[in-house]
Amino acid sequence: NLLKFEDTKFLDHYMVGLTVDRTIWRMKSYPLSLQIEGLFAVQFGKDDLFEFALAPRLTWSGFPWNNYVYTRFRAAPIGLSITSSKSKLEKDGDGENLLYYVFFEVALSPPHSKENEFFVRLHHRCAFFDTINDDINGEDFLLFGFRRNF
């Protein structure tokens, strides 16, 4: 059953987090790089829990408008996420602490200050075709944030 936009609903549930990353590979001829990203987050609202995630991510930064708005697209197609307790929002509270983690992100910054960026990210936890557990609906977060790169 594919997700339909009319099935999407926003809940009174939030996430605040901190990420750390390390570049492990950079392509010489294209603006593509590979990082390992770690996430520590707090979820609150409908449920209160901590989330830890680890994922390899690809970053593309070769956009023609970068002289005006420096843009990065990041994707982590497969990672792992573990929560401090089973989320009440996943399978009516009978979910799993350990699930797959996927995200897609667009980050924007002034070209003269690339270390300061605003981003929007789709953060997704799932059972990945029931390979971890059957019938886990997972969670999706639409995140907006500010990041300072050091």
N, C-alpha and C. Protein backbone atom coordinates (compact mmCIF):
# COMPACT_ATOMS: atom_id res chain seq x y z
N ASN A 1 0.85 -1.18 0.00
CA ASN A 1 0.00 0.00 0.00
C ASN A 1 0.89 1.24 0.00
N LEU A 2 0.83 2.02 -1.04
CA LEU A 2 1.66 3.21 -1.15
C LEU A 2 1.08 4.35 -0.32
N LEU A 3 1.95 5.17 0.18
CA LEU A 3 1.54 6.34 0.96
C LEU A 3 0.80 7.31 0.06
N LYS A 4 -0.33 7.77 0.54
CA LYS A 4 -1.09 8.78 -0.18
C LYS A 4 -1.02 10.06 0.63
N PHE A 5 -0.89 11.18 -0.06
CA PHE A 5 -0.78 12.45 0.65
C PHE A 5 -2.01 12.73 1.51
N GLU A 6 -3.17 12.27 1.09
CA GLU A 6 -4.35 12.52 1.91
C GLU A 6 -4.34 11.70 3.20
N ASP A 7 -3.48 10.66 3.27
CA ASP A 7 -3.32 9.87 4.49
C ASP A 7 -2.36 10.52 5.48
N THR A 8 -1.65 11.55 5.05
CA THR A 8 -0.65 12.20 5.89
C THR A 8 -1.34 13.11 6.89
N LYS A 9 -0.91 12.99 8.15
CA LYS A 9 -1.44 13.88 9.19
C LYS A 9 -0.30 14.27 10.12
N PHE A 10 -0.35 15.50 10.60
CA PHE A 10 0.65 16.00 11.51
C PHE A 10 0.13 15.84 12.93
N LEU A 11 1.01 15.36 13.80
CA LEU A 11 0.65 15.12 15.19
C LEU A 11 1.36 16.11 16.10
N ASP A 12 0.88 16.22 17.31
CA ASP A 12 1.50 17.07 18.32
C ASP A 12 2.69 16.29 18.91
N HIS A 13 3.70 16.05 18.08
CA HIS A 13 4.87 15.26 18.46
C HIS A 13 6.08 15.90 17.81
N TYR A 14 7.18 16.06 18.56
CA TYR A 14 8.30 16.86 18.09
C TYR A 14 9.63 16.16 18.32
N MET A 15 10.66 16.70 17.67
CA MET A 15 12.00 16.17 17.82
C MET A 15 12.99 17.33 17.86
N VAL A 16 13.95 17.25 18.78
CA VAL A 16 15.07 18.18 18.85
C VAL A 16 16.32 17.32 18.89
N GLY A 17 17.32 17.67 18.07
CA GLY A 17 18.48 16.80 18.02
C GLY A 17 19.79 17.51 17.74
N LEU A 18 20.84 16.72 17.85
CA LEU A 18 22.20 17.15 17.59
C LEU A 18 22.84 16.10 16.68
N THR A 19 23.51 16.55 15.63
CA THR A 19 24.19 15.62 14.74
C THR A 19 25.69 15.90 14.75
N VAL A 20 26.44 14.85 14.54
CA VAL A 20 27.88 14.96 14.32
C VAL A 20 28.20 14.12 13.09
N ASP A 21 29.18 14.58 12.30
CA ASP A 21 29.52 13.81 11.11
C ASP A 21 31.01 13.90 10.83
N ARG A 22 31.45 12.99 10.02
CA ARG A 22 32.86 12.93 9.61
C ARG A 22 32.92 12.54 8.15
N THR A 23 33.61 13.34 7.34
CA THR A 23 33.79 13.01 5.93
C THR A 23 34.83 11.90 5.82
N ILE A 24 34.45 10.82 5.12
CA ILE A 24 35.37 9.70 4.95
C ILE A 24 35.84 9.53 3.50
N TRP A 25 35.19 10.24 2.58
CA TRP A 25 35.58 10.16 1.17
C TRP A 25 35.06 11.38 0.44
N ARG A 26 35.86 11.91 -0.47
CA ARG A 26 35.46 13.05 -1.28
C ARG A 26 35.92 12.79 -2.71
N MET A 27 35.00 12.91 -3.67
CA MET A 27 35.32 12.71 -5.07
C MET A 27 36.11 13.91 -5.58
N LYS A 28 37.16 13.66 -6.31
CA LYS A 28 38.02 14.75 -6.79
C LYS A 28 37.43 15.51 -7.96
N SER A 29 36.72 14.82 -8.83
CA SER A 29 36.24 15.47 -10.06
C SER A 29 34.79 15.95 -9.98
N TYR A 30 34.07 15.60 -8.93
CA TYR A 30 32.67 16.03 -8.76
C TYR A 30 32.44 16.47 -7.32
N PRO A 31 31.46 17.35 -7.08
CA PRO A 31 31.19 17.81 -5.71
C PRO A 31 30.33 16.81 -4.92
N LEU A 32 30.86 15.61 -4.78
CA LEU A 32 30.17 14.53 -4.09
C LEU A 32 31.07 14.02 -2.97
N SER A 33 30.49 13.79 -1.79
CA SER A 33 31.26 13.27 -0.68
C SER A 33 30.42 12.29 0.13
N LEU A 34 31.11 11.50 0.93
CA LEU A 34 30.48 10.50 1.79
C LEU A 34 30.88 10.79 3.22
N GLN A 35 29.88 10.86 4.08
CA GLN A 35 30.11 11.10 5.50
C GLN A 35 29.46 9.97 6.31
N ILE A 36 29.87 9.87 7.55
CA ILE A 36 29.17 9.06 8.55
C ILE A 36 28.53 10.07 9.49
N GLU A 37 27.22 9.95 9.71
CA GLU A 37 26.52 10.88 10.59
C GLU A 37 25.94 10.15 11.78
N GLY A 38 26.13 10.73 12.95
CA GLY A 38 25.51 10.25 14.18
C GLY A 38 24.49 11.27 14.64
N LEU A 39 23.40 10.78 15.18
CA LEU A 39 22.31 11.65 15.65
C LEU A 39 21.94 11.27 17.07
N PHE A 40 21.78 12.27 17.91
CA PHE A 40 21.16 12.11 19.23
C PHE A 40 19.97 13.05 19.24
N ALA A 41 18.79 12.52 19.52
CA ALA A 41 17.58 13.35 19.49
C ALA A 41 16.66 13.00 20.66
N VAL A 42 15.84 13.96 20.99
CA VAL A 42 14.79 13.78 21.99
C VAL A 42 13.46 13.94 21.28
N GLN A 43 12.57 12.97 21.43
CA GLN A 43 11.21 13.07 20.91
C GLN A 43 10.29 13.37 22.09
N PHE A 44 9.34 14.26 21.87
CA PHE A 44 8.40 14.60 22.93
C PHE A 44 7.08 15.04 22.32
N GLY A 45 6.04 14.96 23.10
CA GLY A 45 4.69 15.30 22.65
C GLY A 45 3.77 14.14 22.97
N LYS A 46 3.48 13.32 21.97
CA LYS A 46 2.64 12.13 22.17
C LYS A 46 3.37 11.05 22.96
N ASP A 47 4.70 11.12 22.98
CA ASP A 47 5.53 10.15 23.68
C ASP A 47 6.85 10.84 24.01
N ASP A 48 7.53 10.36 25.03
CA ASP A 48 8.82 10.92 25.40
C ASP A 48 9.87 9.83 25.32
N LEU A 49 10.87 10.04 24.46
CA LEU A 49 11.94 9.05 24.32
C LEU A 49 13.16 9.69 23.69
N PHE A 50 14.27 8.97 23.78
CA PHE A 50 15.52 9.37 23.16
C PHE A 50 15.73 8.52 21.91
N GLU A 51 16.39 9.10 20.91
CA GLU A 51 16.71 8.36 19.70
C GLU A 51 18.17 8.56 19.37
N PHE A 52 18.84 7.47 19.03
CA PHE A 52 20.22 7.48 18.57
C PHE A 52 20.22 6.87 17.18
N ALA A 53 20.93 7.48 16.24
CA ALA A 53 20.97 6.95 14.88
C ALA A 53 22.37 7.10 14.32
N LEU A 54 22.70 6.19 13.42
CA LEU A 54 23.98 6.20 12.73
C LEU A 54 23.73 5.83 11.28
N ALA A 55 24.28 6.64 10.36
CA ALA A 55 24.01 6.38 8.94
C ALA A 55 25.13 6.94 8.07
N PRO A 56 25.50 6.20 7.02
CA PRO A 56 26.34 6.81 5.99
C PRO A 56 25.47 7.72 5.13
N ARG A 57 26.01 8.86 4.74
CA ARG A 57 25.22 9.79 3.93
C ARG A 57 26.05 10.31 2.77
N LEU A 58 25.38 10.55 1.67
CA LEU A 58 26.00 11.17 0.50
C LEU A 58 25.61 12.63 0.47
N THR A 59 26.55 13.49 0.11
CA THR A 59 26.29 14.92 0.00
C THR A 59 26.69 15.39 -1.39
N TRP A 60 25.76 16.05 -2.06
CA TRP A 60 26.01 16.67 -3.37
C TRP A 60 25.92 18.18 -3.18
N SER A 61 26.95 18.90 -3.64
CA SER A 61 26.95 20.35 -3.47
C SER A 61 27.22 21.11 -4.77
N GLY A 62 27.03 20.47 -5.90
CA GLY A 62 27.34 21.11 -7.18
C GLY A 62 26.13 21.71 -7.87
N PHE A 63 25.62 22.79 -7.35
CA PHE A 63 24.44 23.42 -7.94
C PHE A 63 24.85 24.72 -8.62
N PRO A 64 24.23 25.05 -9.78
CA PRO A 64 24.65 26.23 -10.55
C PRO A 64 24.36 27.56 -9.85
N TRP A 65 23.49 27.60 -8.86
CA TRP A 65 23.14 28.85 -8.17
C TRP A 65 23.93 29.05 -6.87
N ASN A 66 24.97 28.24 -6.65
CA ASN A 66 25.72 28.31 -5.39
C ASN A 66 26.38 29.66 -5.13
N ASN A 67 26.59 30.49 -6.16
CA ASN A 67 27.12 31.84 -5.92
C ASN A 67 26.11 32.75 -5.24
N TYR A 68 24.84 32.37 -5.26
CA TYR A 68 23.76 33.16 -4.65
C TYR A 68 23.26 32.52 -3.35
N VAL A 69 22.99 31.22 -3.40
CA VAL A 69 22.56 30.45 -2.22
C VAL A 69 23.30 29.11 -2.29
N TYR A 70 24.24 28.92 -1.37
CA TYR A 70 25.00 27.67 -1.38
C TYR A 70 24.08 26.54 -0.91
N THR A 71 23.99 25.49 -1.72
CA THR A 71 23.02 24.43 -1.50
C THR A 71 23.71 23.09 -1.42
N ARG A 72 23.25 22.29 -0.46
CA ARG A 72 23.72 20.91 -0.32
C ARG A 72 22.49 19.99 -0.27
N PHE A 73 22.57 18.90 -1.01
CA PHE A 73 21.54 17.86 -0.90
C PHE A 73 22.20 16.65 -0.24
N ARG A 74 21.56 16.15 0.81
CA ARG A 74 22.12 15.01 1.54
C ARG A 74 21.08 13.89 1.57
N ALA A 75 21.58 12.67 1.45
CA ALA A 75 20.71 11.50 1.51
C ALA A 75 21.43 10.38 2.25
N ALA A 76 20.72 9.77 3.16
CA ALA A 76 21.20 8.59 3.88
C ALA A 76 20.22 7.47 3.56
N PRO A 77 20.54 6.65 2.58
CA PRO A 77 19.57 5.64 2.14
C PRO A 77 19.43 4.46 3.10
N ILE A 78 20.39 4.24 3.97
CA ILE A 78 20.26 3.13 4.91
C ILE A 78 21.12 3.40 6.15
N GLY A 79 20.48 3.38 7.28
CA GLY A 79 21.16 3.56 8.56
C GLY A 79 20.39 2.80 9.62
N LEU A 80 20.80 2.95 10.87
CA LEU A 80 20.12 2.30 11.98
C LEU A 80 19.73 3.33 13.02
N SER A 81 18.57 3.13 13.62
CA SER A 81 18.05 4.02 14.65
C SER A 81 17.61 3.16 15.84
N ILE A 82 17.98 3.58 17.03
CA ILE A 82 17.55 2.89 18.23
C ILE A 82 16.94 3.92 19.18
N THR A 83 15.84 3.56 19.80
CA THR A 83 15.15 4.45 20.72
C THR A 83 15.24 3.90 22.14
N SER A 84 15.10 4.78 23.12
CA SER A 84 15.20 4.39 24.52
C SER A 84 14.00 3.56 24.97
N SER A 85 12.89 3.65 24.26
CA SER A 85 11.71 2.83 24.54
C SER A 85 10.94 2.65 23.24
N LYS A 86 10.01 1.72 23.23
CA LYS A 86 9.18 1.51 22.04
C LYS A 86 8.21 2.67 21.93
N SER A 87 8.21 3.30 20.77
CA SER A 87 7.37 4.48 20.56
C SER A 87 5.90 4.10 20.53
N LYS A 88 5.08 4.90 21.20
CA LYS A 88 3.64 4.70 21.18
C LYS A 88 3.05 4.96 19.80
N LEU A 89 3.81 5.65 18.94
CA LEU A 89 3.32 5.98 17.61
C LEU A 89 3.61 4.90 16.59
N GLU A 90 4.41 3.91 16.94
CA GLU A 90 4.76 2.83 16.03
C GLU A 90 4.01 1.56 16.43
N LYS A 91 3.15 1.09 15.55
CA LYS A 91 2.39 -0.15 15.76
C LYS A 91 1.65 -0.13 17.10
N ASP A 92 0.97 0.96 17.36
CA ASP A 92 0.18 1.12 18.59
C ASP A 92 0.97 0.83 19.85
N GLY A 93 2.23 1.28 19.88
CA GLY A 93 3.07 1.11 21.06
C GLY A 93 3.76 -0.24 21.13
N ASP A 94 3.59 -1.08 20.14
CA ASP A 94 4.23 -2.40 20.13
C ASP A 94 5.25 -2.46 19.00
N GLY A 95 5.99 -1.39 18.84
CA GLY A 95 6.98 -1.31 17.76
C GLY A 95 8.29 -1.95 18.17
N GLU A 96 9.36 -1.43 17.64
CA GLU A 96 10.70 -1.94 17.94
C GLU A 96 11.60 -0.79 18.34
N ASN A 97 12.53 -1.04 19.23
CA ASN A 97 13.53 -0.03 19.56
C ASN A 97 14.49 0.18 18.40
N LEU A 98 14.90 -0.90 17.74
CA LEU A 98 15.85 -0.84 16.65
C LEU A 98 15.12 -0.93 15.31
N LEU A 99 15.28 0.11 14.49
CA LEU A 99 14.69 0.13 13.15
C LEU A 99 15.69 0.75 12.18
N TYR A 100 15.41 0.61 10.90
CA TYR A 100 16.21 1.26 9.88
C TYR A 100 15.95 2.76 9.92
N TYR A 101 16.92 3.52 9.44
CA TYR A 101 16.85 4.97 9.46
C TYR A 101 17.24 5.49 8.08
N VAL A 102 16.42 6.36 7.54
CA VAL A 102 16.62 6.96 6.23
C VAL A 102 16.33 8.45 6.35
N PHE A 103 17.11 9.28 5.64
CA PHE A 103 16.74 10.69 5.59
C PHE A 103 17.16 11.31 4.27
N PHE A 104 16.45 12.38 3.93
CA PHE A 104 16.75 13.22 2.78
C PHE A 104 16.72 14.65 3.28
N GLU A 105 17.67 15.46 2.83
CA GLU A 105 17.80 16.81 3.37
C GLU A 105 18.27 17.78 2.30
N VAL A 106 17.78 19.01 2.39
CA VAL A 106 18.29 20.13 1.60
C VAL A 106 18.74 21.19 2.61
N ALA A 107 19.99 21.65 2.43
CA ALA A 107 20.56 22.67 3.32
C ALA A 107 20.96 23.88 2.49
N LEU A 108 20.65 25.06 3.00
CA LEU A 108 20.93 26.33 2.31
C LEU A 108 21.75 27.24 3.22
N SER A 109 22.73 27.93 2.63
CA SER A 109 23.53 28.87 3.40
C SER A 109 23.99 30.01 2.50
N PRO A 110 24.36 31.14 3.11
CA PRO A 110 24.94 32.23 2.30
C PRO A 110 26.28 31.76 1.74
N PRO A 111 26.61 32.10 0.50
CA PRO A 111 27.86 31.62 -0.09
C PRO A 111 29.11 32.11 0.65
N HIS A 112 29.03 33.23 1.34
CA HIS A 112 30.17 33.76 2.09
C HIS A 112 30.25 33.18 3.51
N SER A 113 29.25 32.38 3.90
CA SER A 113 29.20 31.81 5.25
C SER A 113 28.65 30.38 5.18
N LYS A 114 29.35 29.51 4.47
CA LYS A 114 28.87 28.14 4.25
C LYS A 114 28.75 27.33 5.53
N GLU A 115 29.42 27.74 6.59
CA GLU A 115 29.36 26.98 7.84
C GLU A 115 28.03 27.14 8.57
N ASN A 116 27.26 28.17 8.22
CA ASN A 116 25.94 28.40 8.82
C ASN A 116 24.88 28.02 7.81
N GLU A 117 24.11 27.01 8.12
CA GLU A 117 23.10 26.57 7.14
C GLU A 117 21.75 26.29 7.80
N PHE A 118 20.72 26.57 7.04
CA PHE A 118 19.36 26.21 7.40
C PHE A 118 19.00 24.98 6.58
N PHE A 119 18.25 24.07 7.19
CA PHE A 119 17.95 22.84 6.47
C PHE A 119 16.51 22.40 6.70
N VAL A 120 16.04 21.58 5.78
CA VAL A 120 14.78 20.86 5.92
C VAL A 120 15.11 19.40 5.64
N ARG A 121 14.61 18.51 6.50
CA ARG A 121 14.96 17.09 6.42
C ARG A 121 13.71 16.23 6.63
N LEU A 122 13.61 15.18 5.83
CA LEU A 122 12.62 14.14 6.06
C LEU A 122 13.34 13.01 6.77
N HIS A 123 12.97 12.76 8.01
CA HIS A 123 13.58 11.77 8.90
C HIS A 123 12.60 10.59 8.98
N HIS A 124 13.05 9.39 8.67
CA HIS A 124 12.15 8.24 8.57
C HIS A 124 12.73 7.03 9.28
N ARG A 125 11.93 6.38 10.11
CA ARG A 125 12.26 5.09 10.75
C ARG A 125 11.29 4.05 10.21
N CYS A 126 11.82 2.85 9.89
CA CYS A 126 10.94 1.83 9.33
C CYS A 126 11.54 0.44 9.52
N ALA A 127 10.72 -0.57 9.24
CA ALA A 127 11.15 -1.97 9.31
C ALA A 127 11.75 -2.45 8.00
N PHE A 128 11.78 -1.62 6.96
CA PHE A 128 12.36 -1.91 5.65
C PHE A 128 11.87 -3.25 5.11
N PHE A 129 10.64 -3.21 4.60
CA PHE A 129 9.99 -4.39 4.03
C PHE A 129 9.93 -5.56 5.02
N ASP A 130 9.65 -5.22 6.28
CA ASP A 130 9.47 -6.21 7.35
C ASP A 130 10.71 -7.05 7.62
N THR A 131 11.90 -6.53 7.35
CA THR A 131 13.11 -7.29 7.64
C THR A 131 13.48 -7.26 9.12
N ILE A 132 12.99 -6.26 9.87
CA ILE A 132 13.25 -6.22 11.31
C ILE A 132 12.03 -6.72 12.08
N ASN A 133 10.84 -6.31 11.68
CA ASN A 133 9.63 -6.71 12.37
C ASN A 133 8.48 -6.56 11.38
N ASP A 134 7.46 -7.37 11.54
CA ASP A 134 6.29 -7.31 10.66
C ASP A 134 5.40 -6.13 11.02
N ASP A 135 4.91 -5.48 10.00
CA ASP A 135 3.85 -4.47 10.14
C ASP A 135 4.20 -3.28 11.02
N ILE A 136 5.44 -2.87 11.03
CA ILE A 136 5.80 -1.64 11.75
C ILE A 136 5.56 -0.47 10.81
N ASN A 137 4.74 0.46 11.25
CA ASN A 137 4.48 1.61 10.40
C ASN A 137 5.57 2.66 10.49
N GLY A 138 6.43 2.59 11.48
CA GLY A 138 7.53 3.54 11.62
C GLY A 138 7.05 4.94 11.92
N GLU A 139 7.97 5.88 11.79
CA GLU A 139 7.66 7.28 12.05
C GLU A 139 8.33 8.14 11.00
N ASP A 140 7.71 9.26 10.70
CA ASP A 140 8.28 10.26 9.82
C ASP A 140 8.27 11.60 10.55
N PHE A 141 9.35 12.33 10.40
CA PHE A 141 9.42 13.68 10.94
C PHE A 141 9.83 14.60 9.81
N LEU A 142 9.16 15.72 9.69
CA LEU A 142 9.59 16.78 8.81
C LEU A 142 10.29 17.79 9.70
N LEU A 143 11.62 17.89 9.55
CA LEU A 143 12.43 18.69 10.45
C LEU A 143 12.91 19.96 9.76
N PHE A 144 12.93 21.04 10.50
CA PHE A 144 13.49 22.31 10.08
C PHE A 144 14.53 22.68 11.10
N GLY A 145 15.68 23.16 10.66
CA GLY A 145 16.69 23.49 11.64
C GLY A 145 17.78 24.40 11.13
N PHE A 146 18.66 24.69 12.05
CA PHE A 146 19.87 25.48 11.80
C PHE A 146 21.06 24.64 12.22
N ARG A 147 22.11 24.68 11.43
CA ARG A 147 23.30 23.91 11.73
C ARG A 147 24.52 24.81 11.59
N ARG A 148 25.44 24.65 12.52
CA ARG A 148 26.73 25.35 12.47
C ARG A 148 27.80 24.27 12.24
N ASN A 149 28.47 24.33 11.10
CA ASN A 149 29.51 23.37 10.77
C ASN A 149 30.85 23.90 11.26
N PHE A 150 31.61 23.04 11.89
CA PHE A 150 32.93 23.40 12.41
C PHE A 150 34.02 22.75 11.61
